[in-house]
Amino acid sequence: MISDRGHIRSLLDDLTTAWACGAWGALRPDFAPDARLISAQHGARSGAGEIVDALRQDRFAHRVSNHYIGIQRDDAATSLYLFGLMEDGGAPLFLFGMTLILRLRRSPAGWQITELRMEAMWSKGSPRLVPHWLQVPGDRGWQPGDPSPVIVSELHAPWHILPDAPVPDALEDALPELYARYAFAVDQNDIGLLVSAYAEDVSGGFAPLGNFEGRDTVIGQLKSFRHLAPFWQHFAEVVAIEDEEDGQHARMIVGRIIPERPVDRTGAPLYGAHCQLRVRRDGRRWRICWSDYRPGWFTSDWTCRGLVPLL
């Protein structure tokens, strides 16, 4: 039998694929009768019909990352990142990055989407391919007079919506969700959430800022640096996990996805840098205790051959 987490992950895949490709007939996700869409680009809609009508005008090649799935009894909250590339006659013209947050409810037939909250965080290229969007962000961050964001992490992040959602037991689920929490916190400037991702004695290299020790210093530096890059969005995938087998520590390699160049010439996943992380269990949560960011292009095959070793 498919697990709750597997059911929700499949539902998310159906939603993003149907939205990107327009395949709503074959992949229509399960919306609750009272489902709501709250989108900075598509407005507010109610019910499956209105939601699909609002999204069906978009067509783009896409890739998703940074999944988080929190489940608390009969409620679930998820987040994920998506970047999309729209083309005209084969020429790439418009690239955008989107943050999605979903709330779900268990029904007798399975999980149903009750709320879909989504916002484009940045875009590059000509916006003429999205004349139906209500707002087209650039890469300058918020400016006076801009509409209010529809995603405010302290109010809408899954970790705040369901604070008691249990941490997955399996490392292959728990560690990617730790990285998703870190990235979401940095990108949304939610420093309270960022604190929960780090151990008090965290240390390591935080390029391009330098080497630091202690959570106070690390978070202080990241908070100050974040003010210079208000349009950040950390697309990434965990590409390797190593259990230290002491029950308290593990390591992982996170590959940074560059939306402008996500694959190599053969179509294999391509990464523009990687972050090596050591994590420690603190009660029921995992926290980052050592970090090192290393620039340099590599593919998933490169990692598997051990050319980007865990340290």
C-alpha atoms as a PDB file:
ATOM      1  CA  MET A   1       0.000   0.000   0.000  1.00  0.00           C
ATOM      2  CA  ILE A   2       1.305   3.444  -0.895  1.00  0.00           C
ATOM      3  CA  SER A   3       2.260   5.550   2.144  1.00  0.00           C
ATOM      4  CA  ASP A   4       0.711   8.919   2.969  1.00  0.00           C
ATOM      5  CA  ARG A   5       3.980  10.567   2.005  1.00  0.00           C
ATOM      6  CA  GLY A   6       4.083   8.668  -1.294  1.00  0.00           C
ATOM      7  CA  HIS A   7       0.448   9.547  -2.065  1.00  0.00           C
ATOM      8  CA  ILE A   8       1.084  13.239  -1.464  1.00  0.00           C
ATOM      9  CA  ARG A   9       4.316  13.205  -3.483  1.00  0.00           C
ATOM     10  CA  SER A  10       2.452  11.609  -6.397  1.00  0.00           C
ATOM     11  CA  LEU A  11      -0.277  14.234  -6.103  1.00  0.00           C
ATOM     12  CA  LEU A  12       2.333  17.015  -6.222  1.00  0.00           C
ATOM     13  CA  ASP A  13       3.929  15.465  -9.316  1.00  0.00           C
ATOM     14  CA  ASP A  14       0.532  15.272 -11.032  1.00  0.00           C
ATOM     15  CA  LEU A  15      -0.230  18.890 -10.173  1.00  0.00           C
ATOM     16  CA  THR A  16       3.046  20.352 -11.435  1.00  0.00           C
ATOM     17  CA  THR A  17       3.037  18.217 -14.597  1.00  0.00           C
ATOM     18  CA  ALA A  18      -0.596  19.027 -15.425  1.00  0.00           C
ATOM     19  CA  TRP A  19       0.049  22.736 -14.866  1.00  0.00           C
ATOM     20  CA  ALA A  20       3.228  22.834 -16.958  1.00  0.00           C
ATOM     21  CA  CYS A  21       2.000  20.667 -19.829  1.00  0.00           C
ATOM     22  CA  GLY A  22      -1.733  21.390 -19.781  1.00  0.00           C
ATOM     23  CA  ALA A  23      -2.488  17.687 -19.224  1.00  0.00           C
ATOM     24  CA  TRP A  24      -5.374  18.330 -16.846  1.00  0.00           C
ATOM     25  CA  GLY A  25      -7.573  15.599 -18.276  1.00  0.00           C
ATOM     26  CA  ALA A  26      -5.070  12.812 -17.673  1.00  0.00           C
ATOM     27  CA  LEU A  27      -3.476  14.135 -14.495  1.00  0.00           C
ATOM     28  CA  ARG A  28      -6.182  16.178 -12.794  1.00  0.00           C
ATOM     29  CA  PRO A  29      -5.090  16.365  -9.139  1.00  0.00           C
ATOM     30  CA  ASP A  30      -7.667  15.776  -6.446  1.00  0.00           C
ATOM     31  CA  PHE A  31      -8.973  19.150  -5.269  1.00  0.00           C
ATOM     32  CA  ALA A  32     -11.413  19.315  -2.374  1.00  0.00           C
ATOM     33  CA  PRO A  33     -14.795  20.883  -3.235  1.00  0.00           C
ATOM     34  CA  ASP A  34     -13.851  23.978  -1.210  1.00  0.00           C
ATOM     35  CA  ALA A  35     -10.262  24.193  -2.519  1.00  0.00           C
ATOM     36  CA  ARG A  36      -8.758  27.672  -2.914  1.00  0.00           C
ATOM     37  CA  LEU A  37      -6.051  29.084  -5.160  1.00  0.00           C
ATOM     38  CA  ILE A  38      -4.173  32.108  -3.820  1.00  0.00           C
ATOM     39  CA  SER A  39      -1.669  33.219  -6.456  1.00  0.00           C
ATOM     40  CA  ALA A  40       0.236  36.438  -6.996  1.00  0.00           C
ATOM     41  CA  GLN A  41       0.144  35.709 -10.738  1.00  0.00           C
ATOM     42  CA  HIS A  42      -3.318  34.143 -11.188  1.00  0.00           C
ATOM     43  CA  GLY A  43      -5.428  35.779  -8.510  1.00  0.00           C
ATOM     44  CA  ALA A  44      -7.795  34.130  -6.031  1.00  0.00           C
ATOM     45  CA  ARG A  45     -10.016  31.273  -7.237  1.00  0.00           C
ATOM     46  CA  SER A  46     -12.315  28.724  -5.597  1.00  0.00           C
ATOM     47  CA  GLY A  47     -13.103  25.157  -6.650  1.00  0.00           C
ATOM     48  CA  ALA A  48     -11.296  22.788  -8.999  1.00  0.00           C
ATOM     49  CA  GLY A  49     -12.859  24.252 -12.151  1.00  0.00           C
ATOM     50  CA  GLU A  50     -11.792  27.821 -11.438  1.00  0.00           C
ATOM     51  CA  ILE A  51      -8.322  26.730 -10.310  1.00  0.00           C
ATOM     52  CA  VAL A  52      -7.689  24.729 -13.487  1.00  0.00           C
ATOM     53  CA  ASP A  53      -9.035  27.544 -15.671  1.00  0.00           C
ATOM     54  CA  ALA A  54      -6.612  29.972 -14.020  1.00  0.00           C
ATOM     55  CA  LEU A  55      -3.570  27.732 -14.541  1.00  0.00           C
ATOM     56  CA  ARG A  56      -4.300  26.191 -17.932  1.00  0.00           C
ATOM     57  CA  GLN A  57      -3.038  29.254 -19.846  1.00  0.00           C
ATOM     58  CA  ASP A  58       0.543  28.528 -18.758  1.00  0.00           C
ATOM     59  CA  ARG A  59       2.801  26.207 -20.790  1.00  0.00           C
ATOM     60  CA  PHE A  60       6.441  25.630 -19.916  1.00  0.00           C
ATOM     61  CA  ALA A  61       9.251  23.146 -19.477  1.00  0.00           C
ATOM     62  CA  HIS A  62       9.773  22.710 -15.765  1.00  0.00           C
ATOM     63  CA  ARG A  63      11.735  21.156 -12.935  1.00  0.00           C
ATOM     64  CA  VAL A  64      10.804  20.896  -9.275  1.00  0.00           C
ATOM     65  CA  SER A  65      12.967  20.597  -6.168  1.00  0.00           C
ATOM     66  CA  ASN A  66      13.130  21.353  -2.433  1.00  0.00           C
ATOM     67  CA  HIS A  67      10.139  19.199  -1.479  1.00  0.00           C
ATOM     68  CA  TYR A  68       8.857  19.257   2.082  1.00  0.00           C
ATOM     69  CA  ILE A  69       5.895  17.175   3.255  1.00  0.00           C
ATOM     70  CA  GLY A  70       4.577  17.568   6.796  1.00  0.00           C
ATOM     71  CA  ILE A  71       1.784  15.281   7.988  1.00  0.00           C
ATOM     72  CA  GLN A  72      -0.083  15.730  11.254  1.00  0.00           C
ATOM     73  CA  ARG A  73      -2.921  13.231  11.652  1.00  0.00           C
ATOM     74  CA  ASP A  74      -5.486  14.081   8.920  1.00  0.00           C
ATOM     75  CA  ASP A  75      -3.836  17.329   7.800  1.00  0.00           C
ATOM     76  CA  ALA A  76      -0.786  17.892   5.642  1.00  0.00           C
ATOM     77  CA  ALA A  77       1.188  20.910   4.471  1.00  0.00           C
ATOM     78  CA  THR A  78       3.812  20.884   1.749  1.00  0.00           C
ATOM     79  CA  SER A  79       6.155  23.236  -0.047  1.00  0.00           C
ATOM     80  CA  LEU A  80       8.216  22.936  -3.203  1.00  0.00           C
ATOM     81  CA  TYR A  81      10.123  25.050  -5.690  1.00  0.00           C
ATOM     82  CA  LEU A  82       9.514  25.060  -9.436  1.00  0.00           C
ATOM     83  CA  PHE A  83      11.285  26.849 -12.242  1.00  0.00           C
ATOM     84  CA  GLY A  84       9.727  27.095 -15.665  1.00  0.00           C
ATOM     85  CA  LEU A  85      11.070  27.976 -19.091  1.00  0.00           C
ATOM     86  CA  MET A  86       8.687  29.307 -21.745  1.00  0.00           C
ATOM     87  CA  GLU A  87       9.792  29.245 -25.377  1.00  0.00           C
ATOM     88  CA  ASP A  88       8.602  30.779 -28.634  1.00  0.00           C
ATOM     89  CA  GLY A  89       9.560  28.919 -31.804  1.00  0.00           C
ATOM     90  CA  GLY A  90      12.207  26.991 -29.897  1.00  0.00           C
ATOM     91  CA  ALA A  91      13.893  30.134 -28.554  1.00  0.00           C
ATOM     92  CA  PRO A  92      13.878  30.467 -24.750  1.00  0.00           C
ATOM     93  CA  LEU A  93      12.253  33.760 -23.905  1.00  0.00           C
ATOM     94  CA  PHE A  94      11.002  33.690 -20.336  1.00  0.00           C
ATOM     95  CA  LEU A  95      12.397  31.953 -17.231  1.00  0.00           C
ATOM     96  CA  PHE A  96      10.771  32.142 -13.812  1.00  0.00           C
ATOM     97  CA  GLY A  97      11.067  30.646 -10.325  1.00  0.00           C
ATOM     98  CA  MET A  98       7.983  29.807  -8.285  1.00  0.00           C
ATOM     99  CA  THR A  99       7.350  28.846  -4.656  1.00  0.00           C
ATOM    100  CA  LEU A 100       4.300  26.664  -3.964  1.00  0.00           C
ATOM    101  CA  ILE A 101       2.672  25.850  -0.628  1.00  0.00           C
ATOM    102  CA  LEU A 102      -0.190  23.376  -0.415  1.00  0.00           C
ATOM    103  CA  ARG A 103      -2.524  22.386   2.373  1.00  0.00           C
ATOM    104  CA  LEU A 104      -4.189  19.000   2.173  1.00  0.00           C
ATOM    105  CA  ARG A 105      -6.863  17.053   4.020  1.00  0.00           C
ATOM    106  CA  ARG A 106      -7.377  13.319   4.288  1.00  0.00           C
ATOM    107  CA  SER A 107     -10.634  12.099   2.737  1.00  0.00           C
ATOM    108  CA  PRO A 108     -12.091   8.589   2.469  1.00  0.00           C
ATOM    109  CA  ALA A 109     -10.618   8.386  -1.051  1.00  0.00           C
ATOM    110  CA  GLY A 110      -7.190   9.725  -0.055  1.00  0.00           C
ATOM    111  CA  TRP A 111      -5.547  13.133   0.244  1.00  0.00           C
ATOM    112  CA  GLN A 112      -7.179  16.210  -1.307  1.00  0.00           C
ATOM    113  CA  ILE A 113      -5.780  19.697  -1.909  1.00  0.00           C
ATOM    114  CA  THR A 114      -7.647  22.317   0.114  1.00  0.00           C
ATOM    115  CA  GLU A 115      -5.386  25.303  -0.584  1.00  0.00           C
ATOM    116  CA  LEU A 116      -2.760  26.097  -3.204  1.00  0.00           C
ATOM    117  CA  ARG A 117      -0.681  29.199  -2.507  1.00  0.00           C
ATOM    118  CA  MET A 118       1.861  30.155  -5.152  1.00  0.00           C
ATOM    119  CA  GLU A 119       4.087  33.071  -6.043  1.00  0.00           C
ATOM    120  CA  ALA A 120       6.755  33.721  -8.668  1.00  0.00           C
ATOM    121  CA  MET A 121       9.831  34.973  -6.827  1.00  0.00           C
ATOM    122  CA  TRP A 122      11.782  36.198  -9.894  1.00  0.00           C
ATOM    123  CA  SER A 123      11.764  36.123 -13.672  1.00  0.00           C
ATOM    124  CA  LYS A 124      14.115  36.817 -16.575  1.00  0.00           C
ATOM    125  CA  GLY A 125      13.317  37.602 -20.192  1.00  0.00           C
ATOM    126  CA  SER A 126      10.270  38.976 -21.946  1.00  0.00           C
ATOM    127  CA  PRO A 127       6.982  38.877 -20.012  1.00  0.00           C
ATOM    128  CA  ARG A 128       4.926  38.992 -23.200  1.00  0.00           C
ATOM    129  CA  LEU A 129       4.422  35.219 -22.941  1.00  0.00           C
ATOM    130  CA  VAL A 130       2.462  35.728 -19.708  1.00  0.00           C
ATOM    131  CA  PRO A 131       0.054  38.592 -20.527  1.00  0.00           C
ATOM    132  CA  HIS A 132      -2.511  36.924 -18.257  1.00  0.00           C
ATOM    133  CA  TRP A 133      -0.285  37.165 -15.163  1.00  0.00           C
ATOM    134  CA  LEU A 134      -1.374  39.836 -12.707  1.00  0.00           C
ATOM    135  CA  GLN A 135       2.188  40.456 -11.553  1.00  0.00           C
ATOM    136  CA  VAL A 136       5.522  39.719 -13.240  1.00  0.00           C
ATOM    137  CA  PRO A 137       8.442  39.905 -10.808  1.00  0.00           C
ATOM    138  CA  GLY A 138      11.924  40.854 -11.916  1.00  0.00           C
ATOM    139  CA  ASP A 139      15.161  40.292 -10.029  1.00  0.00           C
ATOM    140  CA  ARG A 140      15.160  43.506  -8.007  1.00  0.00           C
ATOM    141  CA  GLY A 141      13.162  42.361  -4.992  1.00  0.00           C
ATOM    142  CA  TRP A 142      10.227  44.153  -3.422  1.00  0.00           C
ATOM    143  CA  GLN A 143       9.784  47.872  -4.136  1.00  0.00           C
ATOM    144  CA  PRO A 144       7.356  50.410  -2.619  1.00  0.00           C
ATOM    145  CA  GLY A 145       4.037  50.195  -4.405  1.00  0.00           C
ATOM    146  CA  ASP A 146       4.366  46.487  -5.246  1.00  0.00           C
ATOM    147  CA  PRO A 147       1.409  44.246  -4.314  1.00  0.00           C
ATOM    148  CA  SER A 148       1.600  42.460  -0.980  1.00  0.00           C
ATOM    149  CA  PRO A 149       3.145  38.984  -1.247  1.00  0.00           C
ATOM    150  CA  VAL A 150       0.828  36.025  -0.981  1.00  0.00           C
ATOM    151  CA  ILE A 151       3.508  33.971   0.807  1.00  0.00           C
ATOM    152  CA  VAL A 152       4.663  35.208   4.196  1.00  0.00           C
ATOM    153  CA  SER A 153       6.758  32.444   5.711  1.00  0.00           C
ATOM    154  CA  GLU A 154       5.896  33.176   9.327  1.00  0.00           C
ATOM    155  CA  LEU A 155       2.185  32.744   8.465  1.00  0.00           C
ATOM    156  CA  HIS A 156       2.185  30.211   5.632  1.00  0.00           C
ATOM    157  CA  ALA A 157       5.283  27.975   5.765  1.00  0.00           C
ATOM    158  CA  PRO A 158       4.380  24.314   6.362  1.00  0.00           C
ATOM    159  CA  TRP A 159       6.672  24.192   9.407  1.00  0.00           C
ATOM    160  CA  HIS A 160       4.556  26.918  11.035  1.00  0.00           C
ATOM    161  CA  ILE A 161       1.184  25.578   9.848  1.00  0.00           C
ATOM    162  CA  LEU A 162       1.859  22.112  11.317  1.00  0.00           C
ATOM    163  CA  PRO A 163       4.562  22.646  13.945  1.00  0.00           C
ATOM    164  CA  ASP A 164       4.043  19.208  15.490  1.00  0.00           C
ATOM    165  CA  ALA A 165       4.342  17.208  12.275  1.00  0.00           C
ATOM    166  CA  PRO A 166       6.732  14.338  13.083  1.00  0.00           C
ATOM    167  CA  VAL A 167      10.135  14.191  11.444  1.00  0.00           C
ATOM    168  CA  PRO A 168      10.461  11.181   9.095  1.00  0.00           C
ATOM    169  CA  ASP A 169      12.470   8.271  10.488  1.00  0.00           C
ATOM    170  CA  ALA A 170      14.210   7.435   7.203  1.00  0.00           C
ATOM    171  CA  LEU A 171      17.308   9.514   6.455  1.00  0.00           C
ATOM    172  CA  GLU A 172      16.398   9.671   2.760  1.00  0.00           C
ATOM    173  CA  ASP A 173      13.275  11.617   3.778  1.00  0.00           C
ATOM    174  CA  ALA A 174      14.517  13.499   6.838  1.00  0.00           C
ATOM    175  CA  LEU A 175      17.691  15.017   5.393  1.00  0.00           C
ATOM    176  CA  PRO A 176      16.179  16.448   2.171  1.00  0.00           C
ATOM    177  CA  GLU A 177      13.446  17.974   4.316  1.00  0.00           C
ATOM    178  CA  LEU A 178      16.065  19.549   6.583  1.00  0.00           C
ATOM    179  CA  TYR A 179      17.687  21.160   3.552  1.00  0.00           C
ATOM    180  CA  ALA A 180      14.264  22.292   2.281  1.00  0.00           C
ATOM    181  CA  ARG A 181      13.647  23.959   5.670  1.00  0.00           C
ATOM    182  CA  TYR A 182      17.013  25.734   5.551  1.00  0.00           C
ATOM    183  CA  ALA A 183      16.517  26.936   1.955  1.00  0.00           C
ATOM    184  CA  PHE A 184      12.935  28.081   2.512  1.00  0.00           C
ATOM    185  CA  ALA A 185      13.978  29.996   5.637  1.00  0.00           C
ATOM    186  CA  VAL A 186      16.853  31.791   3.890  1.00  0.00           C
ATOM    187  CA  ASP A 187      14.856  32.549   0.748  1.00  0.00           C
ATOM    188  CA  GLN A 188      11.871  33.876   2.693  1.00  0.00           C
ATOM    189  CA  ASN A 189      14.061  35.714   5.237  1.00  0.00           C
ATOM    190  CA  ASP A 190      12.375  33.769   8.059  1.00  0.00           C
ATOM    191  CA  ILE A 191      15.178  33.915  10.603  1.00  0.00           C
ATOM    192  CA  GLY A 192      13.171  32.119  13.287  1.00  0.00           C
ATOM    193  CA  LEU A 193      12.777  29.134  10.978  1.00  0.00           C
ATOM    194  CA  LEU A 194      16.446  29.350   9.998  1.00  0.00           C
ATOM    195  CA  VAL A 195      17.460  29.046  13.665  1.00  0.00           C
ATOM    196  CA  SER A 196      15.742  25.652  13.773  1.00  0.00           C
ATOM    197  CA  ALA A 197      17.952  24.360  10.940  1.00  0.00           C
ATOM    198  CA  TYR A 198      21.298  24.961  12.699  1.00  0.00           C
ATOM    199  CA  ALA A 199      22.999  23.452  15.725  1.00  0.00           C
ATOM    200  CA  GLU A 200      24.332  25.999  18.221  1.00  0.00           C
ATOM    201  CA  ASP A 201      27.935  24.977  17.473  1.00  0.00           C
ATOM    202  CA  VAL A 202      27.605  25.006  13.668  1.00  0.00           C
ATOM    203  CA  SER A 203      30.785  25.831  11.791  1.00  0.00           C
ATOM    204  CA  GLY A 204      32.227  25.662   8.310  1.00  0.00           C
ATOM    205  CA  GLY A 205      32.636  27.574   5.073  1.00  0.00           C
ATOM    206  CA  PHE A 206      29.845  29.852   3.881  1.00  0.00           C
ATOM    207  CA  ALA A 207      31.040  31.114   0.517  1.00  0.00           C
ATOM    208  CA  PRO A 208      31.291  33.882  -0.495  1.00  0.00           C
ATOM    209  CA  LEU A 209      31.140  35.200   3.073  1.00  0.00           C
ATOM    210  CA  GLY A 210      33.918  33.188   4.705  1.00  0.00           C
ATOM    211  CA  ASN A 211      34.465  30.620   7.461  1.00  0.00           C
ATOM    212  CA  PHE A 212      32.442  31.013  10.648  1.00  0.00           C
ATOM    213  CA  GLU A 213      31.769  29.278  13.948  1.00  0.00           C
ATOM    214  CA  GLY A 214      28.659  29.420  16.108  1.00  0.00           C
ATOM    215  CA  ARG A 215      25.002  29.838  15.237  1.00  0.00           C
ATOM    216  CA  ASP A 216      24.934  33.508  16.269  1.00  0.00           C
ATOM    217  CA  THR A 217      27.687  34.395  13.799  1.00  0.00           C
ATOM    218  CA  VAL A 218      26.453  32.197  10.963  1.00  0.00           C
ATOM    219  CA  ILE A 219      22.864  33.428  11.115  1.00  0.00           C
ATOM    220  CA  GLY A 220      23.966  37.029  11.600  1.00  0.00           C
ATOM    221  CA  GLN A 221      26.083  36.845   8.454  1.00  0.00           C
ATOM    222  CA  LEU A 222      23.357  35.132   6.411  1.00  0.00           C
ATOM    223  CA  LYS A 223      20.726  37.617   7.567  1.00  0.00           C
ATOM    224  CA  SER A 224      22.886  40.578   6.576  1.00  0.00           C
ATOM    225  CA  PHE A 225      23.842  38.981   3.248  1.00  0.00           C
ATOM    226  CA  ARG A 226      20.196  38.167   2.532  1.00  0.00           C
ATOM    227  CA  HIS A 227      19.407  41.887   2.447  1.00  0.00           C
ATOM    228  CA  LEU A 228      21.636  42.191  -0.629  1.00  0.00           C
ATOM    229  CA  ALA A 229      19.813  39.423  -2.530  1.00  0.00           C
ATOM    230  CA  PRO A 230      16.069  39.732  -1.872  1.00  0.00           C
ATOM    231  CA  PHE A 231      15.168  37.526  -4.849  1.00  0.00           C
ATOM    232  CA  TRP A 232      17.108  34.429  -3.702  1.00  0.00           C
ATOM    233  CA  GLN A 233      15.724  30.996  -4.476  1.00  0.00           C
ATOM    234  CA  HIS A 234      17.908  27.987  -3.650  1.00  0.00           C
ATOM    235  CA  PHE A 235      17.033  25.279  -6.177  1.00  0.00           C
ATOM    236  CA  ALA A 236      18.849  22.150  -5.042  1.00  0.00           C
ATOM    237  CA  GLU A 237      18.718  18.379  -4.672  1.00  0.00           C
ATOM    238  CA  VAL A 238      20.266  16.037  -2.129  1.00  0.00           C
ATOM    239  CA  VAL A 239      22.466  13.802  -4.303  1.00  0.00           C
ATOM    240  CA  ALA A 240      24.232  11.705  -1.641  1.00  0.00           C
ATOM    241  CA  ILE A 241      23.600  10.657   1.972  1.00  0.00           C
ATOM    242  CA  GLU A 242      25.954   8.896   4.359  1.00  0.00           C
ATOM    243  CA  ASP A 243      24.854   7.563   7.768  1.00  0.00           C
ATOM    244  CA  GLU A 244      27.644   7.729  10.339  1.00  0.00           C
ATOM    245  CA  GLU A 245      25.936   4.842  12.155  1.00  0.00           C
ATOM    246  CA  ASP A 246      26.268   6.351  15.632  1.00  0.00           C
ATOM    247  CA  GLY A 247      22.571   7.213  15.693  1.00  0.00           C
ATOM    248  CA  GLN A 248      23.363  10.908  16.022  1.00  0.00           C
ATOM    249  CA  HIS A 249      25.204  12.067  12.882  1.00  0.00           C
ATOM    250  CA  ALA A 250      24.895  11.856   9.123  1.00  0.00           C
ATOM    251  CA  ARG A 251      26.303  13.642   6.073  1.00  0.00           C
ATOM    252  CA  MET A 252      24.874  14.717   2.767  1.00  0.00           C
ATOM    253  CA  ILE A 253      25.858  16.400  -0.472  1.00  0.00           C
ATOM    254  CA  VAL A 254      23.418  18.940  -1.894  1.00  0.00           C
ATOM    255  CA  GLY A 255      23.765  19.819  -5.583  1.00  0.00           C
ATOM    256  CA  ARG A 256      22.870  23.364  -6.591  1.00  0.00           C
ATOM    257  CA  ILE A 257      20.588  23.525  -9.641  1.00  0.00           C
ATOM    258  CA  ILE A 258      21.143  26.475 -11.976  1.00  0.00           C
ATOM    259  CA  PRO A 259      17.819  27.180 -13.785  1.00  0.00           C
ATOM    260  CA  GLU A 260      19.630  28.559 -16.842  1.00  0.00           C
ATOM    261  CA  ARG A 261      21.596  25.299 -17.206  1.00  0.00           C
ATOM    262  CA  PRO A 262      19.901  22.398 -15.380  1.00  0.00           C
ATOM    263  CA  VAL A 263      21.141  19.534 -17.613  1.00  0.00           C
ATOM    264  CA  ASP A 264      24.240  18.668 -19.644  1.00  0.00           C
ATOM    265  CA  ARG A 265      24.402  17.882 -23.354  1.00  0.00           C
ATOM    266  CA  THR A 266      23.131  14.337 -22.764  1.00  0.00           C
ATOM    267  CA  GLY A 267      20.181  15.504 -20.656  1.00  0.00           C
ATOM    268  CA  ALA A 268      21.695  14.306 -17.361  1.00  0.00           C
ATOM    269  CA  PRO A 269      21.085  16.478 -14.272  1.00  0.00           C
ATOM    270  CA  LEU A 270      23.785  19.135 -13.977  1.00  0.00           C
ATOM    271  CA  TYR A 271      24.762  21.073 -10.871  1.00  0.00           C
ATOM    272  CA  GLY A 272      26.685  24.330 -10.656  1.00  0.00           C
ATOM    273  CA  ALA A 273      28.052  23.832  -7.145  1.00  0.00           C
ATOM    274  CA  HIS A 274      27.565  21.612  -4.138  1.00  0.00           C
ATOM    275  CA  CYS A 275      27.278  21.952  -0.395  1.00  0.00           C
ATOM    276  CA  GLN A 276      28.667  19.311   1.948  1.00  0.00           C
ATOM    277  CA  LEU A 277      26.729  19.155   5.185  1.00  0.00           C
ATOM    278  CA  ARG A 278      27.162  17.247   8.424  1.00  0.00           C
ATOM    279  CA  VAL A 279      24.011  17.030  10.527  1.00  0.00           C
ATOM    280  CA  ARG A 280      23.261  15.974  14.082  1.00  0.00           C
ATOM    281  CA  ARG A 281      20.107  14.706  15.713  1.00  0.00           C
ATOM    282  CA  ASP A 282      18.826  17.079  18.390  1.00  0.00           C
ATOM    283  CA  GLY A 283      15.853  15.469  20.078  1.00  0.00           C
ATOM    284  CA  ARG A 284      13.406  14.671  17.285  1.00  0.00           C
ATOM    285  CA  ARG A 285      14.971  17.067  14.758  1.00  0.00           C
ATOM    286  CA  TRP A 286      18.090  17.038  12.633  1.00  0.00           C
ATOM    287  CA  ARG A 287      20.198  20.194  12.561  1.00  0.00           C
ATOM    288  CA  ILE A 288      23.168  21.268  10.450  1.00  0.00           C
ATOM    289  CA  CYS A 289      26.384  21.254  12.493  1.00  0.00           C
ATOM    290  CA  TRP A 290      28.950  21.668   9.699  1.00  0.00           C
ATOM    291  CA  SER A 291      28.679  23.178   6.233  1.00  0.00           C
ATOM    292  CA  ASP A 292      30.983  23.803   3.290  1.00  0.00           C
ATOM    293  CA  TYR A 293      29.887  25.327  -0.018  1.00  0.00           C
ATOM    294  CA  ARG A 294      32.022  24.460  -3.041  1.00  0.00           C
ATOM    295  CA  PRO A 295      31.536  25.937  -6.538  1.00  0.00           C
ATOM    296  CA  GLY A 296      32.172  23.808  -9.623  1.00  0.00           C
ATOM    297  CA  TRP A 297      30.031  22.013 -12.204  1.00  0.00           C
ATOM    298  CA  PHE A 298      29.307  18.288 -11.911  1.00  0.00           C
ATOM    299  CA  THR A 299      26.706  15.726 -12.960  1.00  0.00           C
ATOM    300  CA  SER A 300      24.931  13.070 -10.941  1.00  0.00           C
ATOM    301  CA  ASP A 301      27.221  10.422 -12.520  1.00  0.00           C
ATOM    302  CA  TRP A 302      30.245  12.349 -11.261  1.00  0.00           C
ATOM    303  CA  THR A 303      28.914  12.146  -7.704  1.00  0.00           C
ATOM    304  CA  CYS A 304      28.208   8.428  -8.004  1.00  0.00           C
ATOM    305  CA  ARG A 305      31.795   7.797  -9.074  1.00  0.00           C
ATOM    306  CA  GLY A 306      32.979   9.437  -5.867  1.00  0.00           C
ATOM    307  CA  LEU A 307      34.554  12.514  -7.484  1.00  0.00           C
ATOM    308  CA  VAL A 308      32.676  14.731  -5.043  1.00  0.00           C
ATOM    309  CA  PRO A 309      33.485  12.816  -1.861  1.00  0.00           C
ATOM    310  CA  LEU A 310      31.768  13.080   1.473  1.00  0.00           C
ATOM    311  CA  LEU A 311      34.247  14.338   4.030  1.00  0.00           C
END
